[in-house]
């Protein structure tokens, strides 16, 4: 059984993730022709809201990890036919790229797979990758401040 503080923190993290993903999902319904949500952002929400102090959940890692791996994915879509080998190479290059740039964010490792399998093009870098990652980070910062000011204060 969880202690009271762990339970509150867990529920608060879940609410934060639900707000962030819910907002992006709602934006998807507005018929703007833009995509705001992709599956890897759900995994990002786990890190940003669940373990916000982790190096893997820091804004630089979330935003640039997603952007870097998405650039690699789209570049592969443009230059090569989609095959198991190109999917594997793009994913491996994404992992290496994040490690070399110190922007490791494990959920971003799924981007090349998603992008190659969907045949996504350059617009995918802005919507949903960049905008979605920034939204997760900003909402995460708001929830971290609420946690610091309200939830984490001793009663």
Protein backbone atom coordinates (compact mmCIF):
# COMPACT_ATOMS: atom_id res chain seq x y z
CA UNK A 1 0.00 0.00 0.00
CA UNK A 2 1.25 3.48 -0.83
CA UNK A 3 1.81 6.01 1.89
CA UNK A 4 -0.29 9.18 1.75
CA UNK A 5 2.42 11.37 0.16
CA UNK A 6 3.23 8.82 -2.55
CA UNK A 7 -0.45 8.40 -3.32
CA UNK A 8 -0.98 12.17 -3.64
CA UNK A 9 2.11 12.55 -5.86
CA UNK A 10 1.03 9.64 -8.06
CA UNK A 11 -2.50 10.96 -8.52
CA UNK A 12 -1.19 14.48 -9.16
CA UNK A 13 1.20 13.14 -11.83
CA UNK A 14 -1.67 11.27 -13.47
CA UNK A 15 -3.84 14.39 -13.47
CA UNK A 16 -1.00 16.39 -15.05
CA UNK A 17 -0.49 13.79 -17.76
CA UNK A 18 -4.24 13.66 -18.38
CA UNK A 19 -4.45 17.45 -18.72
CA UNK A 20 -1.51 17.61 -21.14
CA UNK A 21 -2.60 14.70 -23.33
CA UNK A 22 -6.24 15.76 -23.08
CA UNK A 23 -5.41 19.26 -24.32
CA UNK A 24 -3.44 17.90 -27.26
CA UNK A 25 -6.20 15.40 -28.07
CA UNK A 26 -8.82 18.15 -27.88
CA UNK A 27 -6.75 20.36 -30.21
CA UNK A 28 -6.71 17.42 -32.64
CA UNK A 29 -10.52 17.58 -32.82
CA UNK A 30 -10.68 21.21 -33.96
CA UNK A 31 -10.57 20.35 -37.67
CA UNK A 32 -7.61 22.65 -38.29
CA UNK A 33 -5.88 20.08 -40.45
CA UNK A 34 -3.06 20.03 -37.90
CA UNK A 35 -2.04 17.05 -35.80
CA UNK A 36 -1.20 17.76 -32.17
CA UNK A 37 -0.89 14.29 -30.67
CA UNK A 38 1.33 11.29 -31.29
CA UNK A 39 1.82 8.20 -29.17
CA UNK A 40 5.39 8.95 -28.01
CA UNK A 41 4.06 12.06 -26.23
CA UNK A 42 2.14 9.77 -23.87
CA UNK A 43 5.42 8.19 -22.84
CA UNK A 44 6.95 11.66 -22.47
CA UNK A 45 4.12 12.56 -20.10
CA UNK A 46 5.09 9.61 -17.87
CA UNK A 47 8.57 11.06 -17.44
CA UNK A 48 7.65 14.76 -17.28
CA UNK A 49 4.86 14.31 -14.73
CA UNK A 50 5.93 11.11 -12.99
CA UNK A 51 9.65 11.70 -12.52
CA UNK A 52 10.13 15.41 -13.27
CA UNK A 53 13.58 15.57 -11.69
CA UNK A 54 14.97 12.84 -13.94
CA UNK A 55 17.59 14.03 -16.42
CA UNK A 56 15.52 12.27 -19.10
CA UNK A 57 12.50 14.48 -18.29
CA UNK A 58 14.24 17.86 -18.60
CA UNK A 59 12.95 20.35 -21.19
CA UNK A 60 16.09 20.16 -23.34
CA UNK A 61 15.83 16.38 -23.50
CA UNK A 62 12.10 16.29 -24.19
CA UNK A 63 12.06 18.99 -26.88
CA UNK A 64 15.35 18.36 -28.63
CA UNK A 65 15.26 14.59 -28.21
CA UNK A 66 11.91 14.51 -30.00
CA UNK A 67 12.98 17.04 -32.62
CA UNK A 68 16.29 15.33 -33.41
CA UNK A 69 14.81 11.87 -33.81
CA UNK A 70 11.94 13.27 -35.88
CA UNK A 71 14.38 15.02 -38.23
CA UNK A 72 16.19 11.72 -38.65
CA UNK A 73 12.91 9.90 -39.30
CA UNK A 74 11.68 12.37 -41.92
CA UNK A 75 15.10 12.46 -43.59
CA UNK A 76 14.96 8.69 -43.97
CA UNK A 77 11.41 8.88 -45.38
CA UNK A 78 12.60 11.38 -47.98
CA UNK A 79 15.83 9.61 -48.92
CA UNK A 80 15.19 5.88 -48.60
CA UNK A 81 12.46 3.32 -49.11
CA UNK A 82 10.87 2.15 -45.88
CA UNK A 83 12.22 -1.29 -45.03
CA UNK A 84 13.02 -3.08 -41.80
CA UNK A 85 16.65 -2.08 -42.30
CA UNK A 86 15.93 1.64 -42.78
CA UNK A 87 13.59 1.64 -39.77
CA UNK A 88 16.34 0.00 -37.68
CA UNK A 89 19.05 2.36 -38.98
CA UNK A 90 16.97 5.48 -38.38
CA UNK A 91 16.13 4.35 -34.85
CA UNK A 92 19.75 3.51 -34.07
CA UNK A 93 20.91 6.83 -35.49
CA UNK A 94 18.32 8.59 -33.32
CA UNK A 95 19.57 6.84 -30.20
CA UNK A 96 23.19 7.70 -31.06
CA UNK A 97 22.26 11.28 -31.90
CA UNK A 98 20.46 11.83 -28.59
CA UNK A 99 23.38 10.36 -26.66
CA UNK A 100 25.95 12.46 -28.54
CA UNK A 101 23.96 15.69 -28.02
CA UNK A 102 23.06 14.86 -24.40
CA UNK A 103 19.36 15.10 -25.24
CA UNK A 104 18.40 11.52 -24.42
CA UNK A 105 14.65 11.13 -24.01
CA UNK A 106 13.58 7.47 -24.36
CA UNK A 107 10.07 8.17 -25.73
CA UNK A 108 11.69 10.03 -28.63
CA UNK A 109 13.33 6.79 -29.69
CA UNK A 110 9.94 5.76 -31.09
CA UNK A 111 9.76 8.75 -33.45
CA UNK A 112 11.75 7.30 -36.35
CA UNK A 113 9.66 4.11 -36.24
CA UNK A 114 6.40 6.08 -36.19
CA UNK A 115 7.52 8.50 -38.90
CA UNK A 116 8.83 5.87 -41.28
CA UNK A 117 5.80 3.62 -40.86
CA UNK A 118 3.43 6.58 -41.39
CA UNK A 119 5.46 8.06 -44.23
CA UNK A 120 5.32 11.44 -42.47
CA UNK A 121 6.88 14.49 -44.11
CA UNK A 122 8.55 17.70 -42.99
CA UNK A 123 5.35 19.33 -41.58
CA UNK A 124 5.31 16.53 -38.96
CA UNK A 125 8.34 18.19 -37.32
CA UNK A 126 6.25 21.20 -36.31
CA UNK A 127 2.89 19.48 -35.73
CA UNK A 128 2.83 17.29 -33.67
CA UNK A 129 6.51 16.84 -32.71
CA UNK A 130 7.71 20.32 -31.77
CA UNK A 131 4.39 21.78 -30.63
CA UNK A 132 3.47 18.61 -28.73
CA UNK A 133 6.82 18.41 -26.94
CA UNK A 134 6.68 22.08 -25.98
CA UNK A 135 3.11 21.69 -24.69
CA UNK A 136 4.09 18.71 -22.52
CA UNK A 137 7.06 20.66 -21.10
CA UNK A 138 5.07 23.84 -20.42
CA UNK A 139 2.18 22.03 -18.76
CA UNK A 140 4.74 20.01 -16.82
CA UNK A 141 6.32 23.23 -15.54
CA UNK A 142 2.92 24.55 -14.42
CA UNK A 143 2.18 21.31 -12.57
CA UNK A 144 5.66 21.29 -11.01
CA UNK A 145 5.05 24.79 -9.66
CA UNK A 146 1.64 23.81 -8.31
CA UNK A 147 3.25 20.78 -6.70
CA UNK A 148 5.94 22.93 -5.11
CA UNK A 149 3.52 25.60 -3.86
CA UNK A 150 0.55 23.47 -2.81
CA UNK A 151 1.02 19.70 -2.84
CA UNK A 152 4.55 19.36 -1.46
CA UNK A 153 4.11 21.84 1.41
CA UNK A 154 3.84 20.11 4.77
CA UNK A 155 0.45 20.30 6.41
